[in-house]
Amino acid sequence: MRFDYGHHNDLRFRVVMLLFVVLSVALGYFVHPGFFLFTAFVGLNLFQSAFSKWCPMMAILRKLGVKDQPA
């Protein structure tokens, strides 16, 4: 099963993932190295979504009401 999320949701998805990575790296550096595990989780999730075209974050964004905008 493949989903077409459209350009606008793809951009939002990338922004959310970027924030997760930057935040988890900062927390891992300044607070506790265990936060680097979250960085690894985000990376693995991005890796699997490249093949499956599905990511749990997109499902979460849609449940939060984020809708595709017309191109």
PDB file of N, CA and C in Angstrom:
ATOM      1  N   MET A   1       0.845  -1.165   0.000  1.00  0.00           N
ATOM      2  CA  MET A   1       0.000   0.000   0.000  1.00  0.00           C
ATOM      3  C   MET A   1       0.901   1.242   0.000  1.00  0.00           C
ATOM      4  N   ARG A   2       0.693   2.138  -0.936  1.00  0.00           N
ATOM      5  CA  ARG A   2       1.498   3.351  -1.039  1.00  0.00           C
ATOM      6  C   ARG A   2       0.610   4.571  -0.872  1.00  0.00           C
ATOM      7  N   PHE A   3       1.185   5.593  -0.293  1.00  0.00           N
ATOM      8  CA  PHE A   3       0.455   6.822  -0.047  1.00  0.00           C
ATOM      9  C   PHE A   3       1.177   7.970  -0.740  1.00  0.00           C
ATOM     10  N   ASP A   4       0.415   8.880  -1.293  1.00  0.00           N
ATOM     11  CA  ASP A   4       0.977  10.084  -1.880  1.00  0.00           C
ATOM     12  C   ASP A   4       0.615  11.236  -0.966  1.00  0.00           C
ATOM     13  N   TYR A   5       1.591  11.732  -0.229  1.00  0.00           N
ATOM     14  CA  TYR A   5       1.325  12.772   0.748  1.00  0.00           C
ATOM     15  C   TYR A   5       1.348  14.169   0.150  1.00  0.00           C
ATOM     16  N   GLY A   6       1.836  14.311  -1.030  1.00  0.00           N
ATOM     17  CA  GLY A   6       1.883  15.628  -1.648  1.00  0.00           C
ATOM     18  C   GLY A   6       3.086  16.429  -1.172  1.00  0.00           C
ATOM     19  N   HIS A   7       3.394  17.464  -1.914  1.00  0.00           N
ATOM     20  CA  HIS A   7       4.579  18.270  -1.636  1.00  0.00           C
ATOM     21  C   HIS A   7       4.484  19.002  -0.306  1.00  0.00           C
ATOM     22  N   HIS A   8       3.333  19.575   0.011  1.00  0.00           N
ATOM     23  CA  HIS A   8       3.229  20.407   1.207  1.00  0.00           C
ATOM     24  C   HIS A   8       3.377  19.585   2.478  1.00  0.00           C
ATOM     25  N   ASN A   9       2.756  18.444   2.545  1.00  0.00           N
ATOM     26  CA  ASN A   9       2.931  17.607   3.731  1.00  0.00           C
ATOM     27  C   ASN A   9       4.340  17.050   3.798  1.00  0.00           C
ATOM     28  N   ASP A  10       4.946  16.798   2.642  1.00  0.00           N
ATOM     29  CA  ASP A  10       6.318  16.326   2.641  1.00  0.00           C
ATOM     30  C   ASP A  10       7.239  17.380   3.240  1.00  0.00           C
ATOM     31  N   LEU A  11       6.991  18.631   2.915  1.00  0.00           N
ATOM     32  CA  LEU A  11       7.789  19.720   3.470  1.00  0.00           C
ATOM     33  C   LEU A  11       7.583  19.820   4.979  1.00  0.00           C
ATOM     34  N   ARG A  12       6.351  19.723   5.436  1.00  0.00           N
ATOM     35  CA  ARG A  12       6.079  19.759   6.877  1.00  0.00           C
ATOM     36  C   ARG A  12       6.737  18.579   7.582  1.00  0.00           C
ATOM     37  N   PHE A  13       6.661  17.423   6.961  1.00  0.00           N
ATOM     38  CA  PHE A  13       7.281  16.237   7.528  1.00  0.00           C
ATOM     39  C   PHE A  13       8.785  16.445   7.699  1.00  0.00           C
ATOM     40  N   ARG A  14       9.426  16.998   6.684  1.00  0.00           N
ATOM     41  CA  ARG A  14      10.871  17.225   6.752  1.00  0.00           C
ATOM     42  C   ARG A  14      11.223  18.234   7.843  1.00  0.00           C
ATOM     43  N   VAL A  15      10.399  19.251   8.017  1.00  0.00           N
ATOM     44  CA  VAL A  15      10.655  20.240   9.061  1.00  0.00           C
ATOM     45  C   VAL A  15      10.539  19.589  10.438  1.00  0.00           C
ATOM     46  N   VAL A  16       9.515  18.780  10.644  1.00  0.00           N
ATOM     47  CA  VAL A  16       9.341  18.095  11.932  1.00  0.00           C
ATOM     48  C   VAL A  16      10.522  17.161  12.194  1.00  0.00           C
ATOM     49  N   MET A  17      10.939  16.402  11.191  1.00  0.00           N
ATOM     50  CA  MET A  17      12.065  15.492  11.372  1.00  0.00           C
ATOM     51  C   MET A  17      13.356  16.261  11.655  1.00  0.00           C
ATOM     52  N   LEU A  18      13.553  17.374  10.977  1.00  0.00           N
ATOM     53  CA  LEU A  18      14.730  18.203  11.226  1.00  0.00           C
ATOM     54  C   LEU A  18      14.738  18.700  12.664  1.00  0.00           C
ATOM     55  N   LEU A  19      13.592  19.154  13.150  1.00  0.00           N
ATOM     56  CA  LEU A  19      13.511  19.627  14.530  1.00  0.00           C
ATOM     57  C   LEU A  19      13.791  18.497  15.518  1.00  0.00           C
ATOM     58  N   PHE A  20      13.252  17.307  15.247  1.00  0.00           N
ATOM     59  CA  PHE A  20      13.517  16.166  16.120  1.00  0.00           C
ATOM     60  C   PHE A  20      15.005  15.842  16.173  1.00  0.00           C
ATOM     61  N   VAL A  21      15.652  15.834  15.027  1.00  0.00           N
ATOM     62  CA  VAL A  21      17.071  15.483  14.982  1.00  0.00           C
ATOM     63  C   VAL A  21      17.908  16.542  15.705  1.00  0.00           C
ATOM     64  N   VAL A  22      17.677  17.804  15.401  1.00  0.00           N
ATOM     65  CA  VAL A  22      18.460  18.874  16.031  1.00  0.00           C
ATOM     66  C   VAL A  22      18.228  18.887  17.539  1.00  0.00           C
ATOM     67  N   LEU A  23      16.979  18.761  17.955  1.00  0.00           N
ATOM     68  CA  LEU A  23      16.679  18.759  19.380  1.00  0.00           C
ATOM     69  C   LEU A  23      17.311  17.560  20.093  1.00  0.00           C
ATOM     70  N   SER A  24      17.208  16.377  19.498  1.00  0.00           N
ATOM     71  CA  SER A  24      17.758  15.194  20.164  1.00  0.00           C
ATOM     72  C   SER A  24      19.282  15.218  20.207  1.00  0.00           C
ATOM     73  N   VAL A  25      19.929  15.768  19.181  1.00  0.00           N
ATOM     74  CA  VAL A  25      21.391  15.893  19.217  1.00  0.00           C
ATOM     75  C   VAL A  25      21.805  16.894  20.296  1.00  0.00           C
ATOM     76  N   ALA A  26      21.094  18.008  20.380  1.00  0.00           N
ATOM     77  CA  ALA A  26      21.409  18.996  21.415  1.00  0.00           C
ATOM     78  C   ALA A  26      21.200  18.417  22.815  1.00  0.00           C
ATOM     79  N   LEU A  27      20.094  17.710  23.001  1.00  0.00           N
ATOM     80  CA  LEU A  27      19.844  17.090  24.308  1.00  0.00           C
ATOM     81  C   LEU A  27      20.879  16.015  24.617  1.00  0.00           C
ATOM     82  N   GLY A  28      21.272  15.260  23.600  1.00  0.00           N
ATOM     83  CA  GLY A  28      22.301  14.242  23.803  1.00  0.00           C
ATOM     84  C   GLY A  28      23.638  14.841  24.181  1.00  0.00           C
ATOM     85  N   TYR A  29      23.947  15.979  23.638  1.00  0.00           N
ATOM     86  CA  TYR A  29      25.227  16.632  23.923  1.00  0.00           C
ATOM     87  C   TYR A  29      25.209  17.336  25.275  1.00  0.00           C
ATOM     88  N   PHE A  30      24.133  18.077  25.558  1.00  0.00           N
ATOM     89  CA  PHE A  30      24.102  18.912  26.754  1.00  0.00           C
ATOM     90  C   PHE A  30      23.470  18.247  27.974  1.00  0.00           C
ATOM     91  N   VAL A  31      22.569  17.276  27.783  1.00  0.00           N
ATOM     92  CA  VAL A  31      21.837  16.715  28.916  1.00  0.00           C
ATOM     93  C   VAL A  31      22.288  15.293  29.233  1.00  0.00           C
ATOM     94  N   HIS A  32      22.071  14.378  28.293  1.00  0.00           N
ATOM     95  CA  HIS A  32      22.397  12.970  28.542  1.00  0.00           C
ATOM     96  C   HIS A  32      22.598  12.258  27.207  1.00  0.00           C
ATOM     97  N   PRO A  33      23.645  11.441  27.089  1.00  0.00           N
ATOM     98  CA  PRO A  33      23.907  10.751  25.823  1.00  0.00           C
ATOM     99  C   PRO A  33      22.792   9.802  25.385  1.00  0.00           C
ATOM    100  N   GLY A  34      21.906   9.444  26.284  1.00  0.00           N
ATOM    101  CA  GLY A  34      20.801   8.562  25.925  1.00  0.00           C
ATOM    102  C   GLY A  34      19.870   9.175  24.883  1.00  0.00           C
ATOM    103  N   PHE A  35      19.866  10.486  24.792  1.00  0.00           N
ATOM    104  CA  PHE A  35      19.020  11.139  23.788  1.00  0.00           C
ATOM    105  C   PHE A  35      19.480  10.847  22.364  1.00  0.00           C
ATOM    106  N   PHE A  36      20.720  10.407  22.197  1.00  0.00           N
ATOM    107  CA  PHE A  36      21.189  10.032  20.860  1.00  0.00           C
ATOM    108  C   PHE A  36      20.428   8.817  20.323  1.00  0.00           C
ATOM    109  N   LEU A  37      19.837   8.029  21.207  1.00  0.00           N
ATOM    110  CA  LEU A  37      19.014   6.904  20.766  1.00  0.00           C
ATOM    111  C   LEU A  37      17.780   7.405  20.016  1.00  0.00           C
ATOM    112  N   PHE A  38      17.243   8.531  20.435  1.00  0.00           N
ATOM    113  CA  PHE A  38      16.105   9.104  19.723  1.00  0.00           C
ATOM    114  C   PHE A  38      16.527   9.559  18.329  1.00  0.00           C
ATOM    115  N   THR A  39      17.737  10.110  18.223  1.00  0.00           N
ATOM    116  CA  THR A  39      18.264  10.495  16.914  1.00  0.00           C
ATOM    117  C   THR A  39      18.360   9.267  16.007  1.00  0.00           C
ATOM    118  N   ALA A  40      18.852   8.161  16.558  1.00  0.00           N
ATOM    119  CA  ALA A  40      18.952   6.921  15.780  1.00  0.00           C
ATOM    120  C   ALA A  40      17.566   6.425  15.370  1.00  0.00           C
ATOM    121  N   PHE A  41      16.591   6.529  16.269  1.00  0.00           N
ATOM    122  CA  PHE A  41      15.229   6.107  15.957  1.00  0.00           C
ATOM    123  C   PHE A  41      14.650   6.921  14.801  1.00  0.00           C
ATOM    124  N   VAL A  42      14.852   8.233  14.828  1.00  0.00           N
ATOM    125  CA  VAL A  42      14.360   9.091  13.750  1.00  0.00           C
ATOM    126  C   VAL A  42      15.037   8.718  12.434  1.00  0.00           C
ATOM    127  N   GLY A  43      16.342   8.485  12.476  1.00  0.00           N
ATOM    128  CA  GLY A  43      17.068   8.097  11.267  1.00  0.00           C
ATOM    129  C   GLY A  43      16.586   6.775  10.697  1.00  0.00           C
ATOM    130  N   LEU A  44      16.369   5.789  11.545  1.00  0.00           N
ATOM    131  CA  LEU A  44      15.860   4.501  11.077  1.00  0.00           C
ATOM    132  C   LEU A  44      14.448   4.630  10.519  1.00  0.00           C
ATOM    133  N   ASN A  45      13.650   5.486  11.128  1.00  0.00           N
ATOM    134  CA  ASN A  45      12.298   5.712  10.638  1.00  0.00           C
ATOM    135  C   ASN A  45      12.333   6.353   9.256  1.00  0.00           C
ATOM    136  N   LEU A  46      13.214   7.327   9.058  1.00  0.00           N
ATOM    137  CA  LEU A  46      13.363   7.946   7.740  1.00  0.00           C
ATOM    138  C   LEU A  46      13.839   6.936   6.707  1.00  0.00           C
ATOM    139  N   PHE A  47      14.750   6.053   7.121  1.00  0.00           N
ATOM    140  CA  PHE A  47      15.270   5.027   6.218  1.00  0.00           C
ATOM    141  C   PHE A  47      14.162   4.085   5.761  1.00  0.00           C
ATOM    142  N   GLN A  48      13.346   3.602   6.706  1.00  0.00           N
ATOM    143  CA  GLN A  48      12.281   2.675   6.321  1.00  0.00           C
ATOM    144  C   GLN A  48      11.214   3.376   5.498  1.00  0.00           C
ATOM    145  N   SER A  49      10.962   4.661   5.774  1.00  0.00           N
ATOM    146  CA  SER A  49       9.934   5.366   5.011  1.00  0.00           C
ATOM    147  C   SER A  49      10.364   5.619   3.571  1.00  0.00           C
ATOM    148  N   ALA A  50      11.664   5.628   3.323  1.00  0.00           N
ATOM    149  CA  ALA A  50      12.146   5.795   1.954  1.00  0.00           C
ATOM    150  C   ALA A  50      11.748   4.607   1.079  1.00  0.00           C
ATOM    151  N   PHE A  51      11.612   3.442   1.690  1.00  0.00           N
ATOM    152  CA  PHE A  51      11.253   2.237   0.939  1.00  0.00           C
ATOM    153  C   PHE A  51       9.760   1.952   0.963  1.00  0.00           C
ATOM    154  N   SER A  52       9.119   2.235   2.104  1.00  0.00           N
ATOM    155  CA  SER A  52       7.705   1.886   2.241  1.00  0.00           C
ATOM    156  C   SER A  52       6.779   3.037   1.863  1.00  0.00           C
ATOM    157  N   LYS A  53       7.312   4.262   1.765  1.00  0.00           N
ATOM    158  CA  LYS A  53       6.505   5.458   1.492  1.00  0.00           C
ATOM    159  C   LYS A  53       5.459   5.697   2.581  1.00  0.00           C
ATOM    160  N   TRP A  54       5.709   5.183   3.777  1.00  0.00           N
ATOM    161  CA  TRP A  54       4.813   5.380   4.912  1.00  0.00           C
ATOM    162  C   TRP A  54       5.645   5.709   6.144  1.00  0.00           C
ATOM    163  N   CYS A  55       5.173   6.664   6.903  1.00  0.00           N
ATOM    164  CA  CYS A  55       5.868   7.048   8.125  1.00  0.00           C
ATOM    165  C   CYS A  55       4.831   7.360   9.199  1.00  0.00           C
ATOM    166  N   PRO A  56       5.040   6.888  10.406  1.00  0.00           N
ATOM    167  CA  PRO A  56       4.089   7.175  11.476  1.00  0.00           C
ATOM    168  C   PRO A  56       3.890   8.673  11.718  1.00  0.00           C
ATOM    169  N   MET A  57       4.925   9.475  11.499  1.00  0.00           N
ATOM    170  CA  MET A  57       4.776  10.919  11.717  1.00  0.00           C
ATOM    171  C   MET A  57       3.732  11.512  10.782  1.00  0.00           C
ATOM    172  N   MET A  58       3.637  11.018   9.564  1.00  0.00           N
ATOM    173  CA  MET A  58       2.617  11.522   8.645  1.00  0.00           C
ATOM    174  C   MET A  58       1.218  11.187   9.161  1.00  0.00           C
ATOM    175  N   ALA A  59       1.055   9.996   9.717  1.00  0.00           N
ATOM    176  CA  ALA A  59      -0.236   9.618  10.294  1.00  0.00           C
ATOM    177  C   ALA A  59      -0.570  10.529  11.477  1.00  0.00           C
ATOM    178  N   ILE A  60       0.422  10.853  12.286  1.00  0.00           N
ATOM    179  CA  ILE A  60       0.210  11.742  13.432  1.00  0.00           C
ATOM    180  C   ILE A  60      -0.164  13.140  12.955  1.00  0.00           C
ATOM    181  N   LEU A  61       0.560  13.646  11.941  1.00  0.00           N
ATOM    182  CA  LEU A  61       0.252  14.977  11.422  1.00  0.00           C
ATOM    183  C   LEU A  61      -1.168  15.033  10.865  1.00  0.00           C
ATOM    184  N   ARG A  62      -1.576  13.976  10.170  1.00  0.00           N
ATOM    185  CA  ARG A  62      -2.937  13.963   9.628  1.00  0.00           C
ATOM    186  C   ARG A  62      -3.980  13.927  10.742  1.00  0.00           C
ATOM    187  N   LYS A  63      -3.728  13.165  11.805  1.00  0.00           N
ATOM    188  CA  LYS A  63      -4.674  13.113  12.919  1.00  0.00           C
ATOM    189  C   LYS A  63      -4.737  14.454  13.656  1.00  0.00           C
ATOM    190  N   LEU A  64      -3.656  15.213  13.578  1.00  0.00           N
ATOM    191  CA  LEU A  64      -3.641  16.543  14.189  1.00  0.00           C
ATOM    192  C   LEU A  64      -4.313  17.585  13.309  1.00  0.00           C
ATOM    193  N   GLY A  65      -4.771  17.149  12.133  1.00  0.00           N
ATOM    194  CA  GLY A  65      -5.521  18.049  11.274  1.00  0.00           C
ATOM    195  C   GLY A  65      -4.721  18.702  10.166  1.00  0.00           C
ATOM    196  N   VAL A  66      -3.471  18.295   9.970  1.00  0.00           N
ATOM    197  CA  VAL A  66      -2.666  18.860   8.891  1.00  0.00           C
ATOM    198  C   VAL A  66      -3.179  18.293   7.581  1.00  0.00           C
ATOM    199  N   LYS A  67      -3.604  19.161   6.693  1.00  0.00           N
ATOM    200  CA  LYS A  67      -4.174  18.731   5.420  1.00  0.00           C
ATOM    201  C   LYS A  67      -3.270  19.176   4.276  1.00  0.00           C
ATOM    202  N   ASP A  68      -3.380  18.455   3.174  1.00  0.00           N
ATOM    203  CA  ASP A  68      -2.658  18.856   1.969  1.00  0.00           C
ATOM    204  C   ASP A  68      -3.229  20.158   1.448  1.00  0.00           C
ATOM    205  N   GLN A  69      -2.355  21.014   0.994  1.00  0.00           N
ATOM    206  CA  GLN A  69      -2.783  22.241   0.347  1.00  0.00           C
ATOM    207  C   GLN A  69      -2.653  22.045  -1.150  1.00  0.00           C
ATOM    208  N   PRO A  70      -3.508  22.674  -1.937  1.00  0.00           N
ATOM    209  CA  PRO A  70      -3.375  22.525  -3.370  1.00  0.00           C
ATOM    210  C   PRO A  70      -2.031  23.055  -3.858  1.00  0.00           C
ATOM    211  N   ALA A  71      -1.484  22.402  -4.857  1.00  0.00           N
ATOM    212  CA  ALA A  71      -0.173  22.796  -5.370  1.00  0.00           C
ATOM    213  C   ALA A  71      -0.217  24.116  -6.088  1.00  0.00           C
TER     214      ALA A  71
END
